C-alpha atoms as a PDB file:
ATOM      1  CA  MET A   1      26.794 -20.314  44.255  1.00  0.00           C
ATOM      2  CA  THR A   2      26.673 -19.593  40.651  1.00  0.00           C
ATOM      3  CA  ARG A   3      25.670 -16.484  39.380  1.00  0.00           C
ATOM      4  CA  PRO A   4      23.258 -15.811  36.398  1.00  0.00           C
ATOM      5  CA  THR A   5      24.270 -14.151  33.530  1.00  0.00           C
ATOM      6  CA  PRO A   6      23.628 -10.504  33.425  1.00  0.00           C
ATOM      7  CA  LEU A   7      21.566  -9.907  30.980  1.00  0.00           C
ATOM      8  CA  PRO A   8      18.931  -7.160  30.124  1.00  0.00           C
ATOM      9  CA  GLY A   9      16.079  -7.244  32.017  1.00  0.00           C
ATOM     10  CA  ARG A  10      17.608  -9.713  35.233  1.00  0.00           C
ATOM     11  CA  ARG A  11      18.523  -8.068  38.178  1.00  0.00           C
ATOM     12  CA  VAL A  12      22.112  -7.126  38.331  1.00  0.00           C
ATOM     13  CA  ARG A  13      24.343  -5.270  40.615  1.00  0.00           C
ATOM     14  CA  GLY A  14      23.092  -2.012  41.059  1.00  0.00           C
ATOM     15  CA  SER A  15      19.384  -2.443  39.304  1.00  0.00           C
ATOM     16  CA  HIS A  16      16.729  -4.461  40.328  1.00  0.00           C
ATOM     17  CA  THR A  17      15.030  -3.769  36.664  1.00  0.00           C
ATOM     18  CA  GLY A  18      17.987  -5.157  34.352  1.00  0.00           C
ATOM     19  CA  ARG A  19      18.977  -2.012  32.679  1.00  0.00           C
ATOM     20  CA  PRO A  20      20.722  -3.020  29.237  1.00  0.00           C
ATOM     21  CA  ILE A  21      23.930  -0.508  30.988  1.00  0.00           C
ATOM     22  CA  MET A  22      23.844  -2.369  34.206  1.00  0.00           C
ATOM     23  CA  ALA A  23      23.672  -5.542  32.959  1.00  0.00           C
ATOM     24  CA  LEU A  24      26.686  -5.454  30.542  1.00  0.00           C
ATOM     25  CA  LEU A  25      28.663  -3.317  33.398  1.00  0.00           C
ATOM     26  CA  ASP A  26      28.156  -6.174  36.033  1.00  0.00           C
ATOM     27  CA  LEU A  27      28.917  -8.480  33.070  1.00  0.00           C
ATOM     28  CA  LEU A  28      32.304  -7.018  31.667  1.00  0.00           C
ATOM     29  CA  GLY A  29      33.187  -6.232  35.391  1.00  0.00           C
ATOM     30  CA  ARG A  30      33.547 -10.414  36.364  1.00  0.00           C
ATOM     31  CA  ARG A  31      37.325 -11.162  36.565  1.00  0.00           C
ATOM     32  CA  TRP A  32      38.424 -11.921  33.374  1.00  0.00           C
ATOM     33  CA  ALA A  33      35.835 -10.922  30.977  1.00  0.00           C
ATOM     34  CA  LEU A  34      37.214  -8.204  29.408  1.00  0.00           C
ATOM     35  CA  ARG A  35      41.131 -10.057  29.191  1.00  0.00           C
ATOM     36  CA  VAL A  36      38.813 -12.443  26.867  1.00  0.00           C
ATOM     37  CA  LEU A  37      37.178 -10.450  24.971  1.00  0.00           C
ATOM     38  CA  TRP A  38      40.237  -8.154  24.179  1.00  0.00           C
ATOM     39  CA  GLU A  39      42.084 -11.777  23.081  1.00  0.00           C
ATOM     40  CA  LEU A  40      39.735 -12.399  20.774  1.00  0.00           C
ATOM     41  CA  ARG A  41      39.566  -8.994  19.322  1.00  0.00           C
ATOM     42  CA  ASP A  42      41.657  -9.851  15.929  1.00  0.00           C
ATOM     43  CA  GLY A  43      39.143 -12.041  15.117  1.00  0.00           C
ATOM     44  CA  SER A  44      40.854 -15.416  13.969  1.00  0.00           C
ATOM     45  CA  SER A  45      39.573 -18.544  17.449  1.00  0.00           C
ATOM     46  CA  ALA A  46      41.002 -19.635  19.497  1.00  0.00           C
ATOM     47  CA  SER A  47      40.739 -23.082  21.526  1.00  0.00           C
ATOM     48  CA  PHE A  48      40.379 -23.201  25.326  1.00  0.00           C
ATOM     49  CA  ARG A  49      44.117 -23.465  25.846  1.00  0.00           C
ATOM     50  CA  GLN A  50      44.775 -20.589  23.363  1.00  0.00           C
ATOM     51  CA  LEU A  51      42.561 -18.259  25.353  1.00  0.00           C
ATOM     52  CA  GLN A  52      44.216 -19.512  29.186  1.00  0.00           C
ATOM     53  CA  GLN A  53      47.611 -18.964  28.271  1.00  0.00           C
ATOM     54  CA  ARG A  54      46.719 -16.033  26.865  1.00  0.00           C
ATOM     55  CA  CYS A  55      44.760 -14.479  29.849  1.00  0.00           C
ATOM     56  CA  GLY A  56      48.088 -15.702  32.078  1.00  0.00           C
ATOM     57  CA  GLY A  57      46.981 -16.957  35.374  1.00  0.00           C
ATOM     58  CA  VAL A  58      43.139 -17.631  34.567  1.00  0.00           C
ATOM     59  CA  SER A  59      42.371 -20.882  36.471  1.00  0.00           C
ATOM     60  CA  SER A  60      40.181 -22.977  33.480  1.00  0.00           C
ATOM     61  CA  SER A  61      37.199 -22.889  36.140  1.00  0.00           C
ATOM     62  CA  VAL A  62      36.783 -19.354  35.583  1.00  0.00           C
ATOM     63  CA  LEU A  63      37.437 -18.881  32.054  1.00  0.00           C
ATOM     64  CA  ALA A  64      35.315 -21.836  31.795  1.00  0.00           C
ATOM     65  CA  ASP A  65      32.867 -19.579  34.020  1.00  0.00           C
ATOM     66  CA  ARG A  66      33.248 -16.256  31.638  1.00  0.00           C
ATOM     67  CA  LEU A  67      33.241 -18.118  28.165  1.00  0.00           C
ATOM     68  CA  ARG A  68      29.551 -19.813  29.207  1.00  0.00           C
ATOM     69  CA  GLU A  69      28.451 -15.776  30.461  1.00  0.00           C
ATOM     70  CA  LEU A  70      29.979 -14.552  27.732  1.00  0.00           C
ATOM     71  CA  GLY A  71      28.423 -17.184  25.408  1.00  0.00           C
ATOM     72  CA  GLN A  72      24.789 -16.786  26.836  1.00  0.00           C
ATOM     73  CA  ALA A  73      25.160 -13.085  26.523  1.00  0.00           C
ATOM     74  CA  ASP A  74      25.658 -13.472  22.498  1.00  0.00           C
ATOM     75  CA  LEU A  75      29.367 -12.266  22.458  1.00  0.00           C
ATOM     76  CA  VAL A  76      31.287 -15.328  22.203  1.00  0.00           C
ATOM     77  CA  GLU A  77      30.495 -18.615  20.064  1.00  0.00           C
ATOM     78  CA  HIS A  78      32.176 -21.868  20.146  1.00  0.00           C
ATOM     79  CA  ALA A  79      33.152 -22.171  15.954  1.00  0.00           C
ATOM     80  CA  GLY A  80      34.994 -25.490  15.022  1.00  0.00           C
ATOM     81  CA  GLU A  81      38.131 -25.177  16.481  1.00  0.00           C
ATOM     82  CA  GLY A  82      37.728 -22.607  18.992  1.00  0.00           C
ATOM     83  CA  TYR A  83      35.822 -19.903  19.955  1.00  0.00           C
ATOM     84  CA  LEU A  84      35.304 -16.783  18.322  1.00  0.00           C
ATOM     85  CA  LEU A  85      33.620 -13.195  19.049  1.00  0.00           C
ATOM     86  CA  THR A  86      29.873 -13.363  17.680  1.00  0.00           C
ATOM     87  CA  GLU A  87      28.010 -10.297  15.594  1.00  0.00           C
ATOM     88  CA  GLN A  88      27.301  -8.268  18.708  1.00  0.00           C
ATOM     89  CA  GLY A  89      30.545  -9.386  20.479  1.00  0.00           C
ATOM     90  CA  ARG A  90      32.213  -7.021  17.409  1.00  0.00           C
ATOM     91  CA  THR A  91      30.186  -3.990  17.097  1.00  0.00           C
ATOM     92  CA  LEU A  92      30.670  -3.965  21.751  1.00  0.00           C
ATOM     93  CA  GLN A  93      34.565  -4.209  20.425  1.00  0.00           C
ATOM     94  CA  GLU A  94      34.272  -1.372  18.292  1.00  0.00           C
ATOM     95  CA  SER A  95      31.669   0.578  20.970  1.00  0.00           C
ATOM     96  CA  LEU A  96      34.604   0.039  22.990  1.00  0.00           C
ATOM     97  CA  ALA A  97      37.613   1.689  21.166  1.00  0.00           C
ATOM     98  CA  PRO A  98      36.363   5.267  22.174  1.00  0.00           C
ATOM     99  CA  LEU A  99      37.028   4.280  25.814  1.00  0.00           C
ATOM    100  CA  ASP A 100      40.171   3.068  25.265  1.00  0.00           C
ATOM    101  CA  ALA A 101      41.633   5.961  22.802  1.00  0.00           C
ATOM    102  CA  TRP A 102      39.930   8.313  26.016  1.00  0.00           C
ATOM    103  CA  ALA A 103      41.514   6.147  29.155  1.00  0.00           C
ATOM    104  CA  SER A 104      44.734   6.131  26.877  1.00  0.00           C
ATOM    105  CA  GLY A 105      44.545  10.164  27.435  1.00  0.00           C
ATOM    106  CA  TRP A 106      43.647   9.926  31.272  1.00  0.00           C
ATOM    107  CA  ARG A 107      45.606  11.779  33.285  1.00  0.00           C
ATOM    108  CA  PRO A 108      44.442  11.731  37.250  1.00  0.00           C
ATOM    109  CA  LYS A 109      45.795  15.073  38.970  1.00  0.00           C
ATOM    110  CA  ALA A 110      48.516  13.938  41.445  1.00  0.00           C
ATOM    111  CA  ALA A 111      47.176  13.380  44.606  1.00  0.00           C
ATOM    112  CA  ASP A 112      48.025  15.233  47.577  1.00  0.00           C
END
């Protein structure tokens, strides 16, 4: 059974009302979703096979599911020879940059 694509206004994990942030976190928390977005970050298009190779280890069925969901969320589109980030996908990448910077400096306390 395939879960529906998390979108604002739809029930998602952690939110019965589908608050936009919860829908986004549900979508990005799905296996390989962030990796697909990461591999498209440079602005060049990538074919399905190229993405599968870049994501090393993702099955074709999971990659197809993630591309479908990211497309329905208007973050990724198939254009001509391959997949690209949409305008919303690019702004999401820009919005995630500060989180990436924070994570790079993250130093949790050592476990006792």
